[in-house]
Each structure stands twice: as C-alpha cells, then as structure tokens.
Amino acid sequence: MERTGNLSSTLAIMTQTNSSTVTLSQAGACNYEMMEFLEVKFWLIVVAGSVVYSFGMITNLMLL
C-alpha cells in the first residue's frame, strides 16, 4: 500500500516538474523579449541624455 502511495507521489512530483519546466522556458522567452525592450530603452535614454548634456554645455559656454 505504501509503495503505491510513493509511486503516486513520485508521479505528482514529476508532473509538477514537467509543468515547471514549461513555465521556466516560457519565462525565459518573455525575459529575453523584456531584455531586448530594456536595451532599446537604454539606448534612447543614452541618446536623449547626451543631447541634453550637450545643450547644457553649449548654453553654459555661450553665457560665459
């Protein structure tokens, strides 16, 4: 009887592991898409920051 209980608990653990694996692979795909989005956002911030910094330096030099 206990052997059947162990078998069913092992099958339950394997089922949970398989569903977790699918979830992890789906999360990995979403994570990659998120990183690509963050990379584009990073470059937009760098370019906009450089423009603002250059404008500030030129304005400051003109006021001297």
PDB file of N, CA and C in Angstrom:
ATOM      1  N   MET A   1       0.827  -1.194   0.000  1.00  0.00           N
ATOM      2  CA  MET A   1       0.000   0.000   0.000  1.00  0.00           C
ATOM      3  C   MET A   1       0.869   1.255   0.000  1.00  0.00           C
ATOM      4  N   GLU A   2       1.895   1.221   0.830  1.00  0.00           N
ATOM      5  CA  GLU A   2       2.767   2.394   0.904  1.00  0.00           C
ATOM      6  C   GLU A   2       3.530   2.588  -0.405  1.00  0.00           C
ATOM      7  N   ARG A   3       3.842   1.477  -1.051  1.00  0.00           N
ATOM      8  CA  ARG A   3       4.550   1.563  -2.319  1.00  0.00           C
ATOM      9  C   ARG A   3       3.693   2.273  -3.364  1.00  0.00           C
ATOM     10  N   THR A   4       2.420   2.026  -3.399  1.00  0.00           N
ATOM     11  CA  THR A   4       1.519   2.706  -4.324  1.00  0.00           C
ATOM     12  C   THR A   4       1.440   4.190  -3.992  1.00  0.00           C
ATOM     13  N   GLY A   5       1.445   4.518  -2.706  1.00  0.00           N
ATOM     14  CA  GLY A   5       1.434   5.921  -2.290  1.00  0.00           C
ATOM     15  C   GLY A   5       2.692   6.632  -2.741  1.00  0.00           C
ATOM     16  N   ASN A   6       3.834   5.965  -2.614  1.00  0.00           N
ATOM     17  CA  ASN A   6       5.093   6.562  -3.059  1.00  0.00           C
ATOM     18  C   ASN A   6       5.104   6.766  -4.568  1.00  0.00           C
ATOM     19  N   LEU A   7       4.552   5.795  -5.289  1.00  0.00           N
ATOM     20  CA  LEU A   7       4.505   5.904  -6.743  1.00  0.00           C
ATOM     21  C   LEU A   7       3.632   7.074  -7.180  1.00  0.00           C
ATOM     22  N   SER A   8       2.484   7.220  -6.547  1.00  0.00           N
ATOM     23  CA  SER A   8       1.606   8.329  -6.925  1.00  0.00           C
ATOM     24  C   SER A   8       2.216   9.672  -6.543  1.00  0.00           C
ATOM     25  N   SER A   9       2.921   9.723  -5.408  1.00  0.00           N
ATOM     26  CA  SER A   9       3.565  10.992  -5.036  1.00  0.00           C
ATOM     27  C   SER A   9       4.725  11.303  -5.974  1.00  0.00           C
ATOM     28  N   THR A  10       5.441  10.255  -6.421  1.00  0.00           N
ATOM     29  CA  THR A  10       6.527  10.463  -7.379  1.00  0.00           C
ATOM     30  C   THR A  10       5.978  10.969  -8.707  1.00  0.00           C
ATOM     31  N   LEU A  11       4.864  10.383  -9.155  1.00  0.00           N
ATOM     32  CA  LEU A  11       4.244  10.853 -10.395  1.00  0.00           C
ATOM     33  C   LEU A  11       3.755  12.288 -10.259  1.00  0.00           C
ATOM     34  N   ALA A  12       3.237  12.630  -9.097  1.00  0.00           N
ATOM     35  CA  ALA A  12       2.781  14.002  -8.877  1.00  0.00           C
ATOM     36  C   ALA A  12       3.957  14.965  -8.930  1.00  0.00           C
ATOM     37  N   ILE A  13       5.091  14.565  -8.339  1.00  0.00           N
ATOM     38  CA  ILE A  13       6.283  15.426  -8.362  1.00  0.00           C
ATOM     39  C   ILE A  13       6.791  15.571  -9.796  1.00  0.00           C
ATOM     40  N   MET A  14       6.800  14.452 -10.561  1.00  0.00           N
ATOM     41  CA  MET A  14       7.259  14.531 -11.947  1.00  0.00           C
ATOM     42  C   MET A  14       6.344  15.418 -12.774  1.00  0.00           C
ATOM     43  N   THR A  15       5.050  15.343 -12.536  1.00  0.00           N
ATOM     44  CA  THR A  15       4.104  16.192 -13.265  1.00  0.00           C
ATOM     45  C   THR A  15       4.346  17.656 -12.941  1.00  0.00           C
ATOM     46  N   GLN A  16       4.577  17.945 -11.671  1.00  0.00           N
ATOM     47  CA  GLN A  16       4.865  19.327 -11.271  1.00  0.00           C
ATOM     48  C   GLN A  16       6.170  19.792 -11.901  1.00  0.00           C
ATOM     49  N   THR A  17       7.170  18.905 -11.953  1.00  0.00           N
ATOM     50  CA  THR A  17       8.460  19.275 -12.538  1.00  0.00           C
ATOM     51  C   THR A  17       8.302  19.587 -14.022  1.00  0.00           C
ATOM     52  N   ASN A  18       7.535  18.757 -14.748  1.00  0.00           N
ATOM     53  CA  ASN A  18       7.334  18.997 -16.176  1.00  0.00           C
ATOM     54  C   ASN A  18       6.604  20.310 -16.419  1.00  0.00           C
ATOM     55  N   SER A  19       5.590  20.607 -15.627  1.00  0.00           N
ATOM     56  CA  SER A  19       4.871  21.864 -15.821  1.00  0.00           C
ATOM     57  C   SER A  19       5.756  23.045 -15.447  1.00  0.00           C
ATOM     58  N   SER A  20       6.631  22.859 -14.453  1.00  0.00           N
ATOM     59  CA  SER A  20       7.550  23.929 -14.073  1.00  0.00           C
ATOM     60  C   SER A  20       8.554  24.186 -15.186  1.00  0.00           C
ATOM     61  N   THR A  21       8.989  23.113 -15.859  1.00  0.00           N
ATOM     62  CA  THR A  21       9.945  23.267 -16.953  1.00  0.00           C
ATOM     63  C   THR A  21       9.333  24.088 -18.081  1.00  0.00           C
ATOM     64  N   VAL A  22       8.085  23.805 -18.410  1.00  0.00           N
ATOM     65  CA  VAL A  22       7.406  24.578 -19.453  1.00  0.00           C
ATOM     66  C   VAL A  22       7.289  26.032 -19.024  1.00  0.00           C
ATOM     67  N   THR A  23       6.956  26.242 -17.757  1.00  0.00           N
ATOM     68  CA  THR A  23       6.816  27.606 -17.258  1.00  0.00           C
ATOM     69  C   THR A  23       8.154  28.337 -17.310  1.00  0.00           C
ATOM     70  N   LEU A  24       9.235  27.630 -16.952  1.00  0.00           N
ATOM     71  CA  LEU A  24      10.548  28.273 -16.976  1.00  0.00           C
ATOM     72  C   LEU A  24      10.962  28.636 -18.398  1.00  0.00           C
ATOM     73  N   SER A  25      10.685  27.750 -19.370  1.00  0.00           N
ATOM     74  CA  SER A  25      11.057  28.068 -20.746  1.00  0.00           C
ATOM     75  C   SER A  25      10.218  29.225 -21.275  1.00  0.00           C
ATOM     76  N   GLN A  26       8.944  29.269 -20.900  1.00  0.00           N
ATOM     77  CA  GLN A  26       8.115  30.401 -21.313  1.00  0.00           C
ATOM     78  C   GLN A  26       8.609  31.677 -20.653  1.00  0.00           C
ATOM     79  N   ALA A  27       9.006  31.585 -19.392  1.00  0.00           N
ATOM     80  CA  ALA A  27       9.517  32.761 -18.690  1.00  0.00           C
ATOM     81  C   ALA A  27      10.823  33.224 -19.326  1.00  0.00           C
ATOM     82  N   GLY A  28      11.649  32.270 -19.786  1.00  0.00           N
ATOM     83  CA  GLY A  28      12.895  32.637 -20.442  1.00  0.00           C
ATOM     84  C   GLY A  28      12.649  33.408 -21.725  1.00  0.00           C
ATOM     85  N   ALA A  29      11.646  33.001 -22.492  1.00  0.00           N
ATOM     86  CA  ALA A  29      11.309  33.711 -23.729  1.00  0.00           C
ATOM     87  C   ALA A  29      10.818  35.111 -23.409  1.00  0.00           C
ATOM     88  N   CYS A  30       9.970  35.225 -22.399  1.00  0.00           N
ATOM     89  CA  CYS A  30       9.474  36.547 -22.009  1.00  0.00           C
ATOM     90  C   CYS A  30      10.608  37.408 -21.477  1.00  0.00           C
ATOM     91  N   ASN A  31      11.526  36.775 -20.743  1.00  0.00           N
ATOM     92  CA  ASN A  31      12.651  37.520 -20.187  1.00  0.00           C
ATOM     93  C   ASN A  31      13.528  38.061 -21.312  1.00  0.00           C
ATOM     94  N   TYR A  32      13.747  37.270 -22.367  1.00  0.00           N
ATOM     95  CA  TYR A  32      14.556  37.732 -23.490  1.00  0.00           C
ATOM     96  C   TYR A  32      13.888  38.913 -24.184  1.00  0.00           C
ATOM     97  N   GLU A  33      12.578  38.825 -24.385  1.00  0.00           N
ATOM     98  CA  GLU A  33      11.865  39.937 -25.011  1.00  0.00           C
ATOM     99  C   GLU A  33      11.941  41.181 -24.138  1.00  0.00           C
ATOM    100  N   MET A  34      11.872  41.008 -22.829  1.00  0.00           N
ATOM    101  CA  MET A  34      11.965  42.144 -21.919  1.00  0.00           C
ATOM    102  C   MET A  34      13.362  42.762 -21.981  1.00  0.00           C
ATOM    103  N   MET A  35      14.405  41.935 -22.066  1.00  0.00           N
ATOM    104  CA  MET A  35      15.763  42.467 -22.130  1.00  0.00           C
ATOM    105  C   MET A  35      15.968  43.254 -23.422  1.00  0.00           C
ATOM    106  N   GLU A  36      15.402  42.769 -24.516  1.00  0.00           N
ATOM    107  CA  GLU A  36      15.517  43.494 -25.782  1.00  0.00           C
ATOM    108  C   GLU A  36      14.833  44.857 -25.670  1.00  0.00           C
ATOM    109  N   PHE A  37      13.666  44.890 -25.032  1.00  0.00           N
ATOM    110  CA  PHE A  37      12.949  46.144 -24.821  1.00  0.00           C
ATOM    111  C   PHE A  37      13.767  47.086 -23.940  1.00  0.00           C
ATOM    112  N   LEU A  38      14.383  46.548 -22.883  1.00  0.00           N
ATOM    113  CA  LEU A  38      15.181  47.384 -21.984  1.00  0.00           C
ATOM    114  C   LEU A  38      16.432  47.900 -22.682  1.00  0.00           C
ATOM    115  N   GLU A  39      16.992  47.111 -23.608  1.00  0.00           N
ATOM    116  CA  GLU A  39      18.170  47.561 -24.336  1.00  0.00           C
ATOM    117  C   GLU A  39      17.824  48.763 -25.215  1.00  0.00           C
ATOM    118  N   VAL A  40      16.686  48.710 -25.904  1.00  0.00           N
ATOM    119  CA  VAL A  40      16.244  49.840 -26.727  1.00  0.00           C
ATOM    120  C   VAL A  40      15.984  51.050 -25.843  1.00  0.00           C
ATOM    121  N   LYS A  41      15.346  50.821 -24.708  1.00  0.00           N
ATOM    122  CA  LYS A  41      15.058  51.912 -23.781  1.00  0.00           C
ATOM    123  C   LYS A  41      16.360  52.532 -23.269  1.00  0.00           C
ATOM    124  N   PHE A  42      17.361  51.689 -22.973  1.00  0.00           N
ATOM    125  CA  PHE A  42      18.657  52.173 -22.502  1.00  0.00           C
ATOM    126  C   PHE A  42      19.302  53.088 -23.538  1.00  0.00           C
ATOM    127  N   TRP A  43      19.301  52.668 -24.810  1.00  0.00           N
ATOM    128  CA  TRP A  43      19.933  53.494 -25.839  1.00  0.00           C
ATOM    129  C   TRP A  43      19.176  54.801 -26.055  1.00  0.00           C
ATOM    130  N   LEU A  44      17.858  54.769 -25.930  1.00  0.00           N
ATOM    131  CA  LEU A  44      17.091  56.016 -26.037  1.00  0.00           C
ATOM    132  C   LEU A  44      17.450  56.972 -24.905  1.00  0.00           C
ATOM    133  N   ILE A  45      17.614  56.442 -23.694  1.00  0.00           N
ATOM    134  CA  ILE A  45      17.996  57.284 -22.557  1.00  0.00           C
ATOM    135  C   ILE A  45      19.398  57.840 -22.755  1.00  0.00           C
ATOM    136  N   VAL A  46      20.320  57.024 -23.275  1.00  0.00           N
ATOM    137  CA  VAL A  46      21.698  57.489 -23.505  1.00  0.00           C
ATOM    138  C   VAL A  46      21.720  58.608 -24.540  1.00  0.00           C
ATOM    139  N   VAL A  47      21.001  58.441 -25.642  1.00  0.00           N
ATOM    140  CA  VAL A  47      20.987  59.459 -26.697  1.00  0.00           C
ATOM    141  C   VAL A  47      20.324  60.738 -26.198  1.00  0.00           C
ATOM    142  N   ALA A  48      19.177  60.605 -25.524  1.00  0.00           N
ATOM    143  CA  ALA A  48      18.490  61.797 -25.013  1.00  0.00           C
ATOM    144  C   ALA A  48      19.335  62.498 -23.960  1.00  0.00           C
ATOM    145  N   GLY A  49      19.998  61.734 -23.101  1.00  0.00           N
ATOM    146  CA  GLY A  49      20.868  62.330 -22.086  1.00  0.00           C
ATOM    147  C   GLY A  49      22.046  63.058 -22.703  1.00  0.00           C
ATOM    148  N   SER A  50      22.611  62.502 -23.754  1.00  0.00           N
ATOM    149  CA  SER A  50      23.735  63.152 -24.434  1.00  0.00           C
ATOM    150  C   SER A  50      23.296  64.464 -25.079  1.00  0.00           C
ATOM    151  N   VAL A  51      22.111  64.478 -25.667  1.00  0.00           N
ATOM    152  CA  VAL A  51      21.597  65.702 -26.291  1.00  0.00           C
ATOM    153  C   VAL A  51      21.379  66.779 -25.234  1.00  0.00           C
ATOM    154  N   VAL A  52      20.766  66.418 -24.119  1.00  0.00           N
ATOM    155  CA  VAL A  52      20.521  67.391 -23.047  1.00  0.00           C
ATOM    156  C   VAL A  52      21.839  67.885 -22.470  1.00  0.00           C
ATOM    157  N   TYR A  53      22.799  66.990 -22.271  1.00  0.00           N
ATOM    158  CA  TYR A  53      24.104  67.373 -21.730  1.00  0.00           C
ATOM    159  C   TYR A  53      24.830  68.325 -22.682  1.00  0.00           C
ATOM    160  N   SER A  54      24.810  68.008 -23.987  1.00  0.00           N
ATOM    161  CA  SER A  54      25.469  68.880 -24.970  1.00  0.00           C
ATOM    162  C   SER A  54      24.795  70.249 -25.021  1.00  0.00           C
ATOM    163  N   PHE A  55      23.477  70.279 -24.988  1.00  0.00           N
ATOM    164  CA  PHE A  55      22.752  71.545 -24.988  1.00  0.00           C
ATOM    165  C   PHE A  55      23.120  72.380 -23.760  1.00  0.00           C
ATOM    166  N   GLY A  56      23.221  71.732 -22.609  1.00  0.00           N
ATOM    167  CA  GLY A  56      23.604  72.442 -21.388  1.00  0.00           C
ATOM    168  C   GLY A  56      25.011  72.997 -21.463  1.00  0.00           C
ATOM    169  N   MET A  57      25.941  72.228 -22.011  1.00  0.00           N
ATOM    170  CA  MET A  57      27.327  72.713 -22.122  1.00  0.00           C
ATOM    171  C   MET A  57      27.417  73.892 -23.085  1.00  0.00           C
ATOM    172  N   ILE A  58      26.747  73.796 -24.234  1.00  0.00           N
ATOM    173  CA  ILE A  58      26.793  74.886 -25.221  1.00  0.00           C
ATOM    174  C   ILE A  58      26.155  76.141 -24.645  1.00  0.00           C
ATOM    175  N   THR A  59      25.027  75.990 -23.969  1.00  0.00           N
ATOM    176  CA  THR A  59      24.363  77.147 -23.350  1.00  0.00           C
ATOM    177  C   THR A  59      25.242  77.769 -22.285  1.00  0.00           C
ATOM    178  N   ASN A  60      25.884  76.944 -21.494  1.00  0.00           N
ATOM    179  CA  ASN A  60      26.760  77.445 -20.439  1.00  0.00           C
ATOM    180  C   ASN A  60      27.955  78.191 -21.032  1.00  0.00           C
ATOM    181  N   LEU A  61      28.527  77.668 -22.113  1.00  0.00           N
ATOM    182  CA  LEU A  61      29.669  78.340 -22.740  1.00  0.00           C
ATOM    183  C   LEU A  61      29.253  79.669 -23.368  1.00  0.00           C
ATOM    184  N   MET A  62      28.035  79.730 -23.907  1.00  0.00           N
ATOM    185  CA  MET A  62      27.571  80.989 -24.505  1.00  0.00           C
ATOM    186  C   MET A  62      27.329  82.047 -23.426  1.00  0.00           C
ATOM    187  N   LEU A  63      26.946  81.619 -22.234  1.00  0.00           N
ATOM    188  CA  LEU A  63      26.671  82.577 -21.166  1.00  0.00           C
ATOM    189  C   LEU A  63      27.938  83.074 -20.484  1.00  0.00           C
ATOM    190  N   LEU A  64      29.061  82.421 -20.694  1.00  0.00           N
ATOM    191  CA  LEU A  64      30.306  82.861 -20.046  1.00  0.00           C
ATOM    192  C   LEU A  64      30.850  84.118 -20.625  1.00  0.00           C
TER     193      LEU A  64
END
